[in-house]
Amino acid sequence: MKSNIQCPVSTNKADENVARIVAFFALAITLLGLYMNAYWLILLLAADFTLRAFTTGTYSPLKNAAKAIAAKLSLEKKTTDAEPKKFAAGLGMAFCLIIASLQISGFQLAANGVGAVLLFCAVLESGFAICLGCIVYTYMVLPFYKQSSKL
């Protein structure tokens, strides 16, 4: 399946190990935010996703903590395309905003359902290095891009 995946490739690279550690942090924060019904915690996570999706991530607390942990553990740098990671961070931001809105509105069960999807994505990334950003791009964005380029 991996050979069919086409990522929005750029010259920007990211460290896969750092991305996996960040995903683990996102997993833990999401679980805690859902368990405590703490929309403010989910909004903090949304802010971090925003920093990573729309900037270089220099000021992302989770990315900086993950880089420090990777360095402390002497993990070898494993580069990958950064754009799918940015795309996935944008999706994570949207999920967090939806979860927080549902929590604020009193729809905890719905928030938990949306949170379960975010948790699933975080488990795939942190545990198995599977970025759904590439998969979503390949099957939901790329076909429309190819179709519009033919017109």
C-alpha atoms as a PDB file:
ATOM      1  CA  MET A   1       0.000   0.000   0.000  1.00  0.00           C
ATOM      2  CA  LYS A   2       2.857   2.390   0.794  1.00  0.00           C
ATOM      3  CA  SER A   3       3.985   2.392  -2.863  1.00  0.00           C
ATOM      4  CA  ASN A   4       0.646   3.884  -3.939  1.00  0.00           C
ATOM      5  CA  ILE A   5       0.864   6.750  -1.449  1.00  0.00           C
ATOM      6  CA  GLN A   6       1.780  10.095  -2.970  1.00  0.00           C
ATOM      7  CA  CYS A   7       2.637  12.769  -0.463  1.00  0.00           C
ATOM      8  CA  PRO A   8       2.648  16.512  -1.086  1.00  0.00           C
ATOM      9  CA  VAL A   9       6.444  16.508  -1.389  1.00  0.00           C
ATOM     10  CA  SER A  10       8.618  19.554  -0.780  1.00  0.00           C
ATOM     11  CA  THR A  11      12.244  20.109   0.012  1.00  0.00           C
ATOM     12  CA  ASN A  12      11.385  20.493   3.716  1.00  0.00           C
ATOM     13  CA  LYS A  13      12.243  17.514   5.864  1.00  0.00           C
ATOM     14  CA  ALA A  14      11.142  16.418   9.341  1.00  0.00           C
ATOM     15  CA  ASP A  15      12.550  13.934  11.819  1.00  0.00           C
ATOM     16  CA  GLU A  16      10.251  10.908  11.966  1.00  0.00           C
ATOM     17  CA  ASN A  17      11.343  10.086  15.530  1.00  0.00           C
ATOM     18  CA  VAL A  18      10.425  13.581  16.723  1.00  0.00           C
ATOM     19  CA  ALA A  19       7.052  13.328  14.957  1.00  0.00           C
ATOM     20  CA  ARG A  20       6.356  10.011  16.686  1.00  0.00           C
ATOM     21  CA  ILE A  21       7.205  11.449  20.115  1.00  0.00           C
ATOM     22  CA  VAL A  22       4.979  14.468  19.433  1.00  0.00           C
ATOM     23  CA  ALA A  23       2.166  12.092  18.455  1.00  0.00           C
ATOM     24  CA  PHE A  24       2.608  10.298  21.764  1.00  0.00           C
ATOM     25  CA  PHE A  25       2.297  13.644  23.583  1.00  0.00           C
ATOM     26  CA  ALA A  26      -0.843  14.438  21.577  1.00  0.00           C
ATOM     27  CA  LEU A  27      -2.235  11.025  22.521  1.00  0.00           C
ATOM     28  CA  ALA A  28      -1.600  11.618  26.233  1.00  0.00           C
ATOM     29  CA  ILE A  29      -2.959  15.184  26.221  1.00  0.00           C
ATOM     30  CA  THR A  30      -6.075  14.162  24.292  1.00  0.00           C
ATOM     31  CA  LEU A  31      -6.768  11.292  26.695  1.00  0.00           C
ATOM     32  CA  LEU A  32      -6.340  13.576  29.681  1.00  0.00           C
ATOM     33  CA  GLY A  33      -8.460  16.325  28.128  1.00  0.00           C
ATOM     34  CA  LEU A  34     -11.278  13.926  27.346  1.00  0.00           C
ATOM     35  CA  TYR A  35     -11.117  12.176  30.710  1.00  0.00           C
ATOM     36  CA  MET A  36     -11.142  15.454  32.659  1.00  0.00           C
ATOM     37  CA  ASN A  37     -13.562  17.151  30.236  1.00  0.00           C
ATOM     38  CA  ALA A  38     -10.897  19.888  30.088  1.00  0.00           C
ATOM     39  CA  TYR A  39     -11.613  21.861  26.909  1.00  0.00           C
ATOM     40  CA  TRP A  40      -8.784  24.250  27.803  1.00  0.00           C
ATOM     41  CA  LEU A  41      -6.292  21.378  27.558  1.00  0.00           C
ATOM     42  CA  ILE A  42      -7.660  20.432  24.150  1.00  0.00           C
ATOM     43  CA  LEU A  43      -7.401  24.092  23.082  1.00  0.00           C
ATOM     44  CA  LEU A  44      -3.748  24.156  24.181  1.00  0.00           C
ATOM     45  CA  LEU A  45      -3.156  21.098  22.033  1.00  0.00           C
ATOM     46  CA  ALA A  46      -4.950  22.846  19.150  1.00  0.00           C
ATOM     47  CA  ALA A  47      -2.587  25.807  19.581  1.00  0.00           C
ATOM     48  CA  ASP A  48       0.424  23.502  19.364  1.00  0.00           C
ATOM     49  CA  PHE A  49      -1.002  21.792  16.261  1.00  0.00           C
ATOM     50  CA  THR A  50      -1.508  25.268  14.778  1.00  0.00           C
ATOM     51  CA  LEU A  51       2.123  26.216  15.395  1.00  0.00           C
ATOM     52  CA  ARG A  52       3.283  23.049  13.673  1.00  0.00           C
ATOM     53  CA  ALA A  53       0.796  23.264  10.782  1.00  0.00           C
ATOM     54  CA  PHE A  54       1.238  26.892   9.801  1.00  0.00           C
ATOM     55  CA  THR A  55       4.806  27.723  10.868  1.00  0.00           C
ATOM     56  CA  THR A  56       8.123  25.921  11.018  1.00  0.00           C
ATOM     57  CA  GLY A  57       7.180  24.703  14.490  1.00  0.00           C
ATOM     58  CA  THR A  58      10.071  26.528  16.133  1.00  0.00           C
ATOM     59  CA  TYR A  59       7.846  27.702  18.998  1.00  0.00           C
ATOM     60  CA  SER A  60       5.892  24.460  19.430  1.00  0.00           C
ATOM     61  CA  PRO A  61       6.362  23.265  23.019  1.00  0.00           C
ATOM     62  CA  LEU A  62       5.580  19.672  22.072  1.00  0.00           C
ATOM     63  CA  LYS A  63       8.016  19.641  19.154  1.00  0.00           C
ATOM     64  CA  ASN A  64      10.761  21.207  21.276  1.00  0.00           C
ATOM     65  CA  ALA A  65      10.182  18.702  24.082  1.00  0.00           C
ATOM     66  CA  ALA A  66      10.210  15.843  21.566  1.00  0.00           C
ATOM     67  CA  LYS A  67      13.476  17.086  20.059  1.00  0.00           C
ATOM     68  CA  ALA A  68      15.037  17.220  23.533  1.00  0.00           C
ATOM     69  CA  ILE A  69      13.863  13.679  24.316  1.00  0.00           C
ATOM     70  CA  ALA A  70      15.132  12.370  20.964  1.00  0.00           C
ATOM     71  CA  ALA A  71      18.518  13.981  21.638  1.00  0.00           C
ATOM     72  CA  LYS A  72      18.647  12.653  25.209  1.00  0.00           C
ATOM     73  CA  LEU A  73      17.859   9.137  23.967  1.00  0.00           C
ATOM     74  CA  SER A  74      20.414   9.554  21.145  1.00  0.00           C
ATOM     75  CA  LEU A  75      17.823   8.562  18.544  1.00  0.00           C
ATOM     76  CA  GLU A  76      19.259   8.581  15.056  1.00  0.00           C
ATOM     77  CA  LYS A  77      17.644  11.227  12.866  1.00  0.00           C
ATOM     78  CA  LYS A  78      15.257   9.628  10.378  1.00  0.00           C
ATOM     79  CA  THR A  79      14.141  12.188   7.805  1.00  0.00           C
ATOM     80  CA  THR A  80      10.807  12.212   6.042  1.00  0.00           C
ATOM     81  CA  ASP A  81       8.835  14.771   4.043  1.00  0.00           C
ATOM     82  CA  ALA A  82       7.597  17.557   6.289  1.00  0.00           C
ATOM     83  CA  GLU A  83       4.519  18.529   4.267  1.00  0.00           C
ATOM     84  CA  PRO A  84       2.399  15.473   5.160  1.00  0.00           C
ATOM     85  CA  LYS A  85       3.260  16.102   8.820  1.00  0.00           C
ATOM     86  CA  LYS A  86       2.118  19.723   8.462  1.00  0.00           C
ATOM     87  CA  PHE A  87      -1.070  18.540   6.728  1.00  0.00           C
ATOM     88  CA  ALA A  88      -1.717  16.075   9.564  1.00  0.00           C
ATOM     89  CA  ALA A  89      -1.076  18.819  12.145  1.00  0.00           C
ATOM     90  CA  GLY A  90      -3.709  20.946  10.413  1.00  0.00           C
ATOM     91  CA  LEU A  91      -6.170  18.071  10.654  1.00  0.00           C
ATOM     92  CA  GLY A  92      -5.240  17.599  14.316  1.00  0.00           C
ATOM     93  CA  MET A  93      -5.913  21.282  14.946  1.00  0.00           C
ATOM     94  CA  ALA A  94      -9.362  20.981  13.344  1.00  0.00           C
ATOM     95  CA  PHE A  95     -10.167  17.877  15.399  1.00  0.00           C
ATOM     96  CA  CYS A  96      -9.114  19.639  18.611  1.00  0.00           C
ATOM     97  CA  LEU A  97     -11.265  22.681  17.834  1.00  0.00           C
ATOM     98  CA  ILE A  98     -14.253  20.420  17.184  1.00  0.00           C
ATOM     99  CA  ILE A  99     -13.623  18.445  20.396  1.00  0.00           C
ATOM    100  CA  ALA A 100     -13.293  21.608  22.503  1.00  0.00           C
ATOM    101  CA  SER A 101     -16.435  23.114  20.942  1.00  0.00           C
ATOM    102  CA  LEU A 102     -18.396  19.959  21.705  1.00  0.00           C
ATOM    103  CA  GLN A 103     -17.082  19.892  25.287  1.00  0.00           C
ATOM    104  CA  ILE A 104     -17.968  23.550  25.829  1.00  0.00           C
ATOM    105  CA  SER A 105     -21.455  22.895  24.415  1.00  0.00           C
ATOM    106  CA  GLY A 106     -21.971  19.980  26.804  1.00  0.00           C
ATOM    107  CA  PHE A 107     -21.797  17.224  24.199  1.00  0.00           C
ATOM    108  CA  GLN A 108     -19.171  15.103  25.933  1.00  0.00           C
ATOM    109  CA  LEU A 109     -20.193  11.861  24.248  1.00  0.00           C
ATOM    110  CA  ALA A 110     -19.793  13.439  20.795  1.00  0.00           C
ATOM    111  CA  ALA A 111     -16.490  14.982  21.910  1.00  0.00           C
ATOM    112  CA  ASN A 112     -15.326  11.523  22.985  1.00  0.00           C
ATOM    113  CA  GLY A 113     -16.296  10.129  19.568  1.00  0.00           C
ATOM    114  CA  VAL A 114     -14.322  12.770  17.688  1.00  0.00           C
ATOM    115  CA  GLY A 115     -11.522  12.365  20.218  1.00  0.00           C
ATOM    116  CA  ALA A 116     -11.416   8.637  19.507  1.00  0.00           C
ATOM    117  CA  VAL A 117     -10.620   9.394  15.869  1.00  0.00           C
ATOM    118  CA  LEU A 118      -7.814  11.751  16.926  1.00  0.00           C
ATOM    119  CA  LEU A 119      -6.522   9.128  19.359  1.00  0.00           C
ATOM    120  CA  PHE A 120      -6.562   6.493  16.621  1.00  0.00           C
ATOM    121  CA  CYS A 121      -4.491   8.749  14.361  1.00  0.00           C
ATOM    122  CA  ALA A 122      -2.039   9.487  17.179  1.00  0.00           C
ATOM    123  CA  VAL A 123      -1.636   5.770  17.938  1.00  0.00           C
ATOM    124  CA  LEU A 124      -0.941   5.015  14.277  1.00  0.00           C
ATOM    125  CA  GLU A 125       1.706   7.740  14.086  1.00  0.00           C
ATOM    126  CA  SER A 126       3.373   7.199  17.443  1.00  0.00           C
ATOM    127  CA  GLY A 127       3.252   3.419  17.512  1.00  0.00           C
ATOM    128  CA  PHE A 128       3.547   2.428  13.874  1.00  0.00           C
ATOM    129  CA  ALA A 129       4.901   5.507  12.009  1.00  0.00           C
ATOM    130  CA  ILE A 130       1.778   5.599   9.842  1.00  0.00           C
ATOM    131  CA  CYS A 131       0.872   9.171   8.908  1.00  0.00           C
ATOM    132  CA  LEU A 132      -2.718   9.416   7.767  1.00  0.00           C
ATOM    133  CA  GLY A 133      -1.916  12.806   6.213  1.00  0.00           C
ATOM    134  CA  CYS A 134      -0.270  11.038   3.251  1.00  0.00           C
ATOM    135  CA  ILE A 135      -3.137   8.604   2.890  1.00  0.00           C
ATOM    136  CA  VAL A 136      -5.806  11.320   3.037  1.00  0.00           C
ATOM    137  CA  TYR A 137      -3.854  13.412   0.543  1.00  0.00           C
ATOM    138  CA  THR A 138      -3.486  10.498  -1.886  1.00  0.00           C
ATOM    139  CA  TYR A 139      -7.097   9.390  -1.926  1.00  0.00           C
ATOM    140  CA  MET A 140      -9.052  12.567  -1.159  1.00  0.00           C
ATOM    141  CA  VAL A 141      -6.991  15.539  -2.379  1.00  0.00           C
ATOM    142  CA  LEU A 142      -4.782  14.294  -5.214  1.00  0.00           C
ATOM    143  CA  PRO A 143      -7.650  13.007  -7.426  1.00  0.00           C
ATOM    144  CA  PHE A 144      -9.260  16.463  -7.400  1.00  0.00           C
ATOM    145  CA  TYR A 145      -5.911  18.104  -8.074  1.00  0.00           C
ATOM    146  CA  LYS A 146      -5.254  15.797 -11.060  1.00  0.00           C
ATOM    147  CA  GLN A 147      -8.783  16.356 -12.365  1.00  0.00           C
ATOM    148  CA  SER A 148      -8.502  20.160 -12.164  1.00  0.00           C
ATOM    149  CA  SER A 149      -5.116  20.091 -13.940  1.00  0.00           C
ATOM    150  CA  LYS A 150      -6.725  18.303 -16.927  1.00  0.00           C
ATOM    151  CA  LEU A 151      -9.258  21.104 -17.435  1.00  0.00           C
END
